[in-house]
Amino acid sequence: MSDSSALQRNDIRLRDHLFKILMALVAGLVAYFLTIQDLKTAIAEKAPGQQVHQLDTRVGQLETLQKEQKVTTTEFRRFREEVIERLARIESLLERNEGK
């Protein structure tokens, strides 16, 4: 009988340890995703509002053109390059501002 009760105690301890490990993993994942979200929010707050508004307007215009099926591949590629260039400028501006 002592062997079975010892096995039961060991089984309970093992479950407790596994539960603690699982909870630590869940807490780590939650912390990771919350940190990523906070970083995204902080970057968005630092971005110059006018540039973000211009990009939003351009995306809206592109969506309208796509709905009307009038956007060409060339127009789309040109817009994409403009967005990439503008985002690169915003990123470099943010990096310079962080250094101050």
N, C-alpha and C. Protein backbone atom coordinates (compact mmCIF):
# COMPACT_ATOMS: atom_id res chain seq x y z
N MET A 1 0.82 -1.20 0.00
CA MET A 1 0.00 0.00 0.00
C MET A 1 0.86 1.26 0.00
N SER A 2 1.98 1.18 0.65
CA SER A 2 2.84 2.35 0.69
C SER A 2 3.41 2.66 -0.69
N ASP A 3 3.64 1.60 -1.51
CA ASP A 3 4.13 1.82 -2.87
C ASP A 3 3.10 2.55 -3.72
N SER A 4 1.84 2.17 -3.61
CA SER A 4 0.81 2.82 -4.42
C SER A 4 0.58 4.26 -3.97
N SER A 5 0.63 4.52 -2.67
CA SER A 5 0.46 5.90 -2.20
C SER A 5 1.67 6.74 -2.59
N ALA A 6 2.86 6.13 -2.60
CA ALA A 6 4.05 6.87 -3.04
C ALA A 6 3.95 7.19 -4.53
N LEU A 7 3.46 6.23 -5.31
CA LEU A 7 3.26 6.49 -6.75
C LEU A 7 2.23 7.59 -6.98
N GLN A 8 1.17 7.57 -6.19
CA GLN A 8 0.15 8.61 -6.33
C GLN A 8 0.72 9.98 -6.00
N ARG A 9 1.52 10.06 -4.93
CA ARG A 9 2.13 11.34 -4.56
C ARG A 9 3.08 11.82 -5.66
N ASN A 10 3.87 10.89 -6.21
CA ASN A 10 4.78 11.25 -7.30
C ASN A 10 4.01 11.71 -8.53
N ASP A 11 2.88 11.04 -8.80
CA ASP A 11 2.04 11.41 -9.94
C ASP A 11 1.47 12.81 -9.74
N ILE A 12 1.05 13.10 -8.54
CA ILE A 12 0.49 14.43 -8.23
C ILE A 12 1.59 15.49 -8.36
N ARG A 13 2.79 15.18 -7.84
CA ARG A 13 3.90 16.13 -7.95
C ARG A 13 4.26 16.39 -9.41
N LEU A 14 4.28 15.31 -10.19
CA LEU A 14 4.59 15.45 -11.61
C LEU A 14 3.57 16.33 -12.31
N ARG A 15 2.29 16.10 -12.01
CA ARG A 15 1.24 16.95 -12.60
C ARG A 15 1.39 18.40 -12.18
N ASP A 16 1.73 18.62 -10.90
CA ASP A 16 1.93 19.99 -10.42
C ASP A 16 3.08 20.66 -11.16
N HIS A 17 4.17 19.95 -11.34
CA HIS A 17 5.31 20.52 -12.06
C HIS A 17 4.97 20.79 -13.52
N LEU A 18 4.28 19.86 -14.16
CA LEU A 18 3.88 20.07 -15.54
C LEU A 18 2.93 21.26 -15.67
N PHE A 19 2.02 21.38 -14.73
CA PHE A 19 1.09 22.51 -14.74
C PHE A 19 1.85 23.83 -14.59
N LYS A 20 2.82 23.85 -13.68
CA LYS A 20 3.61 25.07 -13.48
C LYS A 20 4.41 25.42 -14.73
N ILE A 21 4.97 24.41 -15.38
CA ILE A 21 5.72 24.66 -16.62
C ILE A 21 4.79 25.19 -17.71
N LEU A 22 3.62 24.58 -17.82
CA LEU A 22 2.64 25.04 -18.81
C LEU A 22 2.22 26.48 -18.54
N MET A 23 1.97 26.81 -17.29
CA MET A 23 1.56 28.18 -16.96
C MET A 23 2.69 29.17 -17.23
N ALA A 24 3.93 28.76 -16.97
CA ALA A 24 5.07 29.64 -17.26
C ALA A 24 5.18 29.88 -18.76
N LEU A 25 4.97 28.84 -19.57
CA LEU A 25 5.00 29.01 -21.03
C LEU A 25 3.89 29.94 -21.50
N VAL A 26 2.70 29.76 -20.96
CA VAL A 26 1.58 30.62 -21.34
C VAL A 26 1.86 32.06 -20.95
N ALA A 27 2.39 32.26 -19.74
CA ALA A 27 2.72 33.62 -19.29
C ALA A 27 3.79 34.24 -20.18
N GLY A 28 4.77 33.44 -20.58
CA GLY A 28 5.82 33.94 -21.47
C GLY A 28 5.27 34.36 -22.82
N LEU A 29 4.37 33.53 -23.37
CA LEU A 29 3.76 33.87 -24.67
C LEU A 29 2.91 35.13 -24.56
N VAL A 30 2.16 35.25 -23.49
CA VAL A 30 1.32 36.44 -23.31
C VAL A 30 2.21 37.68 -23.20
N ALA A 31 3.27 37.58 -22.42
CA ALA A 31 4.18 38.72 -22.28
C ALA A 31 4.81 39.08 -23.62
N TYR A 32 5.19 38.08 -24.40
CA TYR A 32 5.78 38.31 -25.72
C TYR A 32 4.82 39.07 -26.62
N PHE A 33 3.59 38.58 -26.73
CA PHE A 33 2.64 39.21 -27.64
C PHE A 33 2.22 40.60 -27.14
N LEU A 34 2.11 40.79 -25.85
CA LEU A 34 1.79 42.12 -25.33
C LEU A 34 2.94 43.09 -25.61
N THR A 35 4.17 42.63 -25.48
CA THR A 35 5.32 43.48 -25.77
C THR A 35 5.34 43.88 -27.24
N ILE A 36 5.09 42.93 -28.13
CA ILE A 36 5.05 43.24 -29.55
C ILE A 36 3.96 44.27 -29.84
N GLN A 37 2.79 44.09 -29.25
CA GLN A 37 1.69 45.03 -29.47
C GLN A 37 2.05 46.41 -28.94
N ASP A 38 2.67 46.48 -27.77
CA ASP A 38 3.08 47.77 -27.22
C ASP A 38 4.12 48.45 -28.11
N LEU A 39 5.04 47.68 -28.66
CA LEU A 39 6.03 48.25 -29.58
C LEU A 39 5.37 48.80 -30.83
N LYS A 40 4.41 48.06 -31.38
CA LYS A 40 3.69 48.55 -32.56
C LYS A 40 2.97 49.85 -32.25
N THR A 41 2.34 49.91 -31.09
CA THR A 41 1.61 51.11 -30.70
C THR A 41 2.57 52.28 -30.51
N ALA A 42 3.71 52.03 -29.87
CA ALA A 42 4.69 53.10 -29.65
C ALA A 42 5.24 53.62 -30.97
N ILE A 43 5.51 52.73 -31.91
CA ILE A 43 6.01 53.17 -33.22
C ILE A 43 4.95 53.97 -33.95
N ALA A 44 3.70 53.52 -33.87
CA ALA A 44 2.63 54.25 -34.55
C ALA A 44 2.45 55.64 -33.95
N GLU A 45 2.62 55.77 -32.63
CA GLU A 45 2.46 57.07 -32.00
C GLU A 45 3.60 58.02 -32.38
N LYS A 46 4.77 57.47 -32.64
CA LYS A 46 5.91 58.31 -32.99
C LYS A 46 5.90 58.74 -34.45
N ALA A 47 5.20 58.00 -35.29
CA ALA A 47 5.19 58.33 -36.72
C ALA A 47 4.54 59.69 -36.93
N PRO A 48 5.12 60.51 -37.78
CA PRO A 48 4.53 61.81 -38.06
C PRO A 48 3.10 61.65 -38.60
N GLY A 49 2.18 62.32 -37.97
CA GLY A 49 0.77 62.18 -38.30
C GLY A 49 0.43 62.51 -39.74
N GLN A 50 1.07 63.54 -40.27
CA GLN A 50 0.77 63.95 -41.65
C GLN A 50 1.16 62.86 -42.64
N GLN A 51 2.30 62.25 -42.44
CA GLN A 51 2.75 61.21 -43.36
C GLN A 51 1.85 59.98 -43.28
N VAL A 52 1.43 59.64 -42.07
CA VAL A 52 0.53 58.51 -41.92
C VAL A 52 -0.80 58.82 -42.59
N HIS A 53 -1.28 60.05 -42.44
CA HIS A 53 -2.54 60.44 -43.07
C HIS A 53 -2.42 60.37 -44.60
N GLN A 54 -1.28 60.84 -45.14
CA GLN A 54 -1.07 60.77 -46.58
C GLN A 54 -1.06 59.34 -47.08
N LEU A 55 -0.38 58.47 -46.34
CA LEU A 55 -0.35 57.06 -46.73
C LEU A 55 -1.75 56.45 -46.67
N ASP A 56 -2.50 56.80 -45.64
CA ASP A 56 -3.86 56.29 -45.51
C ASP A 56 -4.72 56.75 -46.67
N THR A 57 -4.57 58.01 -47.04
CA THR A 57 -5.32 58.55 -48.18
C THR A 57 -4.96 57.82 -49.46
N ARG A 58 -3.66 57.60 -49.68
CA ARG A 58 -3.22 56.92 -50.89
C ARG A 58 -3.73 55.48 -50.94
N VAL A 59 -3.71 54.80 -49.79
CA VAL A 59 -4.23 53.43 -49.75
C VAL A 59 -5.73 53.43 -50.06
N GLY A 60 -6.44 54.40 -49.52
CA GLY A 60 -7.86 54.51 -49.82
C GLY A 60 -8.12 54.74 -51.29
N GLN A 61 -7.31 55.60 -51.90
CA GLN A 61 -7.45 55.84 -53.34
C GLN A 61 -7.16 54.58 -54.14
N LEU A 62 -6.14 53.86 -53.73
CA LEU A 62 -5.80 52.62 -54.43
C LEU A 62 -6.93 51.59 -54.30
N GLU A 63 -7.49 51.49 -53.10
CA GLU A 63 -8.60 50.56 -52.90
C GLU A 63 -9.78 50.92 -53.80
N THR A 64 -10.05 52.22 -53.92
CA THR A 64 -11.14 52.66 -54.79
C THR A 64 -10.85 52.29 -56.24
N LEU A 65 -9.63 52.52 -56.66
CA LEU A 65 -9.27 52.16 -58.03
C LEU A 65 -9.37 50.66 -58.26
N GLN A 66 -8.97 49.89 -57.29
CA GLN A 66 -9.06 48.44 -57.44
C GLN A 66 -10.51 47.99 -57.53
N LYS A 67 -11.36 48.61 -56.75
CA LYS A 67 -12.78 48.24 -56.80
C LYS A 67 -13.37 48.56 -58.17
N GLU A 68 -12.88 49.64 -58.76
CA GLU A 68 -13.38 50.02 -60.08
C GLU A 68 -12.63 49.28 -61.18
N GLN A 69 -11.67 48.48 -60.82
CA GLN A 69 -10.85 47.69 -61.74
C GLN A 69 -10.15 48.55 -62.78
N LYS A 70 -9.64 49.70 -62.34
CA LYS A 70 -8.96 50.60 -63.25
C LYS A 70 -7.47 50.72 -62.95
N VAL A 71 -6.99 50.08 -61.92
CA VAL A 71 -5.58 50.19 -61.58
C VAL A 71 -4.78 49.22 -62.44
N THR A 72 -3.69 49.72 -62.97
CA THR A 72 -2.83 48.87 -63.79
C THR A 72 -1.72 48.31 -62.93
N THR A 73 -1.05 47.33 -63.46
CA THR A 73 0.08 46.74 -62.74
C THR A 73 1.17 47.78 -62.53
N THR A 74 1.40 48.60 -63.50
CA THR A 74 2.42 49.64 -63.40
C THR A 74 2.07 50.64 -62.30
N GLU A 75 0.81 51.06 -62.25
CA GLU A 75 0.38 51.98 -61.20
C GLU A 75 0.54 51.36 -59.82
N PHE A 76 0.16 50.11 -59.72
CA PHE A 76 0.28 49.43 -58.43
C PHE A 76 1.74 49.33 -58.00
N ARG A 77 2.61 48.96 -58.91
CA ARG A 77 4.03 48.84 -58.58
C ARG A 77 4.62 50.20 -58.21
N ARG A 78 4.24 51.25 -58.91
CA ARG A 78 4.73 52.59 -58.59
C ARG A 78 4.26 53.01 -57.20
N PHE A 79 2.99 52.76 -56.90
CA PHE A 79 2.46 53.08 -55.58
C PHE A 79 3.19 52.30 -54.49
N ARG A 80 3.42 51.01 -54.76
CA ARG A 80 4.10 50.16 -53.78
C ARG A 80 5.50 50.71 -53.49
N GLU A 81 6.22 51.11 -54.52
CA GLU A 81 7.55 51.66 -54.33
C GLU A 81 7.51 52.97 -53.55
N GLU A 82 6.51 53.80 -53.82
CA GLU A 82 6.37 55.06 -53.07
C GLU A 82 6.11 54.78 -51.60
N VAL A 83 5.27 53.80 -51.32
CA VAL A 83 4.97 53.45 -49.93
C VAL A 83 6.23 52.94 -49.24
N ILE A 84 6.97 52.09 -49.91
CA ILE A 84 8.20 51.55 -49.32
C ILE A 84 9.20 52.67 -49.04
N GLU A 85 9.35 53.60 -49.99
CA GLU A 85 10.27 54.72 -49.79
C GLU A 85 9.83 55.59 -48.62
N ARG A 86 8.54 55.87 -48.54
CA ARG A 86 8.03 56.72 -47.46
C ARG A 86 8.19 56.04 -46.11
N LEU A 87 7.90 54.75 -46.05
CA LEU A 87 8.08 54.02 -44.79
C LEU A 87 9.55 53.99 -44.38
N ALA A 88 10.43 53.89 -45.33
CA ALA A 88 11.87 53.92 -45.03
C ALA A 88 12.27 55.28 -44.46
N ARG A 89 11.71 56.35 -45.03
CA ARG A 89 11.99 57.69 -44.50
C ARG A 89 11.45 57.84 -43.10
N ILE A 90 10.25 57.34 -42.85
CA ILE A 90 9.66 57.41 -41.50
C ILE A 90 10.53 56.63 -40.53
N GLU A 91 10.96 55.46 -40.94
CA GLU A 91 11.79 54.63 -40.07
C GLU A 91 13.11 55.34 -39.73
N SER A 92 13.75 55.93 -40.73
CA SER A 92 15.01 56.62 -40.47
C SER A 92 14.78 57.85 -39.59
N LEU A 93 13.67 58.55 -39.77
CA LEU A 93 13.34 59.68 -38.93
C LEU A 93 13.15 59.24 -37.49
N LEU A 94 12.45 58.14 -37.30
CA LEU A 94 12.24 57.61 -35.95
C LEU A 94 13.56 57.20 -35.31
N GLU A 95 14.45 56.58 -36.09
CA GLU A 95 15.74 56.18 -35.56
C GLU A 95 16.57 57.39 -35.16
N ARG A 96 16.51 58.45 -35.98
CA ARG A 96 17.26 59.68 -35.63
C ARG A 96 16.69 60.31 -34.37
N ASN A 97 15.37 60.32 -34.23
CA ASN A 97 14.73 60.93 -33.07
C ASN A 97 15.03 60.14 -31.80
N GLU A 98 15.19 58.83 -31.91
CA GLU A 98 15.52 58.02 -30.74
C GLU A 98 16.92 58.31 -30.26
N GLY A 99 17.81 58.67 -31.16
CA GLY A 99 19.19 58.96 -30.80
C GLY A 99 19.36 60.28 -30.06
N LYS A 100 18.36 61.12 -30.12
CA LYS A 100 18.48 62.46 -29.47
C LYS A 100 18.24 62.38 -28.01
